[in-house]
Amino acid sequence: MPKLYPEALAFCILWAALAVAGFALVDWKAGIALSVGLFLIIMPASAVILSRTSNFALERAVRWGILIIAGLVLLSVADLG
């Protein structure tokens, strides 16, 4: 069985929690947008950073930054509604 990395597992859990929060706080479209939309943003960003710099710390910071910004945007949209 492959080794589980706590940081990667935490990231996936928080990503799923953010999508569920989008569904609960806004509507199902927000949940889908956070689930699929973040995939379409995070994965290419990670690939570009790693292919150009091979800097895993930078990739990790960008990935977590995108997730944090998405959470802040979700909270802002939820407050407006």
C-alpha atoms as a PDB file:
ATOM      1  CA  MET A   1       0.000   0.000   0.000  1.00  0.00           C
ATOM      2  CA  PRO A   2       1.390   3.447  -0.868  1.00  0.00           C
ATOM      3  CA  LYS A   3       2.499   5.759   1.902  1.00  0.00           C
ATOM      4  CA  LEU A   4       0.015   8.474   2.891  1.00  0.00           C
ATOM      5  CA  TYR A   5       1.418  11.953   3.179  1.00  0.00           C
ATOM      6  CA  PRO A   6      -0.316  14.003   5.922  1.00  0.00           C
ATOM      7  CA  GLU A   7       0.005  17.332   4.091  1.00  0.00           C
ATOM      8  CA  ALA A   8      -1.506  15.959   0.892  1.00  0.00           C
ATOM      9  CA  LEU A   9      -4.265  14.192   2.816  1.00  0.00           C
ATOM     10  CA  ALA A  10      -5.091  17.388   4.728  1.00  0.00           C
ATOM     11  CA  PHE A  11      -5.207  19.337   1.473  1.00  0.00           C
ATOM     12  CA  CYS A  12      -7.635  16.866  -0.099  1.00  0.00           C
ATOM     13  CA  ILE A  13      -9.857  16.831   2.988  1.00  0.00           C
ATOM     14  CA  LEU A  14      -9.977  20.628   3.126  1.00  0.00           C
ATOM     15  CA  TRP A  15     -10.672  20.834  -0.610  1.00  0.00           C
ATOM     16  CA  ALA A  16     -13.619  18.430  -0.217  1.00  0.00           C
ATOM     17  CA  ALA A  17     -14.820  20.328   2.865  1.00  0.00           C
ATOM     18  CA  LEU A  18     -14.702  23.579   0.918  1.00  0.00           C
ATOM     19  CA  ALA A  19     -16.823  22.070  -1.860  1.00  0.00           C
ATOM     20  CA  VAL A  20     -19.350  20.768   0.687  1.00  0.00           C
ATOM     21  CA  ALA A  21     -19.385  24.180   2.380  1.00  0.00           C
ATOM     22  CA  GLY A  22     -20.062  25.792  -1.000  1.00  0.00           C
ATOM     23  CA  PHE A  23     -23.031  23.464  -1.458  1.00  0.00           C
ATOM     24  CA  ALA A  24     -24.313  24.146   2.059  1.00  0.00           C
ATOM     25  CA  LEU A  25     -23.720  27.910   2.213  1.00  0.00           C
ATOM     26  CA  VAL A  26     -24.566  28.978  -1.339  1.00  0.00           C
ATOM     27  CA  ASP A  27     -26.042  26.262  -3.581  1.00  0.00           C
ATOM     28  CA  TRP A  28     -25.138  23.149  -5.534  1.00  0.00           C
ATOM     29  CA  LYS A  29     -23.556  25.202  -8.315  1.00  0.00           C
ATOM     30  CA  ALA A  30     -21.025  26.641  -5.867  1.00  0.00           C
ATOM     31  CA  GLY A  31     -20.172  23.148  -4.657  1.00  0.00           C
ATOM     32  CA  ILE A  32     -19.588  21.934  -8.202  1.00  0.00           C
ATOM     33  CA  ALA A  33     -17.630  25.072  -9.098  1.00  0.00           C
ATOM     34  CA  LEU A  34     -15.350  24.641  -6.102  1.00  0.00           C
ATOM     35  CA  SER A  35     -14.848  20.963  -6.752  1.00  0.00           C
ATOM     36  CA  VAL A  36     -14.239  21.035 -10.503  1.00  0.00           C
ATOM     37  CA  GLY A  37     -13.133  24.656 -10.847  1.00  0.00           C
ATOM     38  CA  LEU A  38     -10.344  24.341  -8.333  1.00  0.00           C
ATOM     39  CA  PHE A  39      -9.196  21.165 -10.065  1.00  0.00           C
ATOM     40  CA  LEU A  40      -8.954  23.093 -13.340  1.00  0.00           C
ATOM     41  CA  ILE A  41      -6.922  25.835 -11.633  1.00  0.00           C
ATOM     42  CA  ILE A  42      -4.736  23.991  -9.129  1.00  0.00           C
ATOM     43  CA  MET A  43      -3.547  21.095 -11.258  1.00  0.00           C
ATOM     44  CA  PRO A  44      -2.214  23.169 -14.197  1.00  0.00           C
ATOM     45  CA  ALA A  45      -0.695  25.713 -11.808  1.00  0.00           C
ATOM     46  CA  SER A  46       1.111  22.930  -9.948  1.00  0.00           C
ATOM     47  CA  ALA A  47       2.319  21.376 -13.193  1.00  0.00           C
ATOM     48  CA  VAL A  48       3.659  24.679 -14.534  1.00  0.00           C
ATOM     49  CA  ILE A  49       5.476  25.537 -11.317  1.00  0.00           C
ATOM     50  CA  LEU A  50       7.039  22.103 -10.985  1.00  0.00           C
ATOM     51  CA  SER A  51       8.027  21.843 -14.640  1.00  0.00           C
ATOM     52  CA  ARG A  52       9.675  25.259 -14.691  1.00  0.00           C
ATOM     53  CA  THR A  53      11.221  25.494 -11.230  1.00  0.00           C
ATOM     54  CA  SER A  54      11.139  22.013  -9.655  1.00  0.00           C
ATOM     55  CA  ASN A  55      10.479  23.900  -6.425  1.00  0.00           C
ATOM     56  CA  PHE A  56       8.105  21.811  -4.332  1.00  0.00           C
ATOM     57  CA  ALA A  57       7.888  24.439  -1.576  1.00  0.00           C
ATOM     58  CA  LEU A  58       6.711  27.066  -4.065  1.00  0.00           C
ATOM     59  CA  GLU A  59       4.201  24.643  -5.565  1.00  0.00           C
ATOM     60  CA  ARG A  60       2.854  23.801  -2.115  1.00  0.00           C
ATOM     61  CA  ALA A  61       2.546  27.492  -1.202  1.00  0.00           C
ATOM     62  CA  VAL A  62       0.706  28.318  -4.428  1.00  0.00           C
ATOM     63  CA  ARG A  63      -1.615  25.318  -4.036  1.00  0.00           C
ATOM     64  CA  TRP A  64      -2.522  26.229  -0.446  1.00  0.00           C
ATOM     65  CA  GLY A  65      -2.827  29.893  -1.405  1.00  0.00           C
ATOM     66  CA  ILE A  66      -5.361  29.091  -4.115  1.00  0.00           C
ATOM     67  CA  LEU A  67      -7.369  27.013  -1.648  1.00  0.00           C
ATOM     68  CA  ILE A  68      -7.317  29.779   0.978  1.00  0.00           C
ATOM     69  CA  ILE A  69      -8.388  32.416  -1.543  1.00  0.00           C
ATOM     70  CA  ALA A  70     -11.223  30.163  -2.726  1.00  0.00           C
ATOM     71  CA  GLY A  71     -12.353  29.796   0.894  1.00  0.00           C
ATOM     72  CA  LEU A  72     -12.312  33.550   1.436  1.00  0.00           C
ATOM     73  CA  VAL A  73     -14.267  34.122  -1.767  1.00  0.00           C
ATOM     74  CA  LEU A  74     -16.811  31.502  -0.678  1.00  0.00           C
ATOM     75  CA  LEU A  75     -17.273  33.193   2.688  1.00  0.00           C
ATOM     76  CA  SER A  76     -17.693  36.559   0.976  1.00  0.00           C
ATOM     77  CA  VAL A  77     -20.293  35.204  -1.446  1.00  0.00           C
ATOM     78  CA  ALA A  78     -22.120  33.415   1.376  1.00  0.00           C
ATOM     79  CA  ASP A  79     -22.309  36.679   3.353  1.00  0.00           C
ATOM     80  CA  LEU A  80     -23.790  38.500   0.366  1.00  0.00           C
ATOM     81  CA  GLY A  81     -26.576  35.960  -0.058  1.00  0.00           C
END
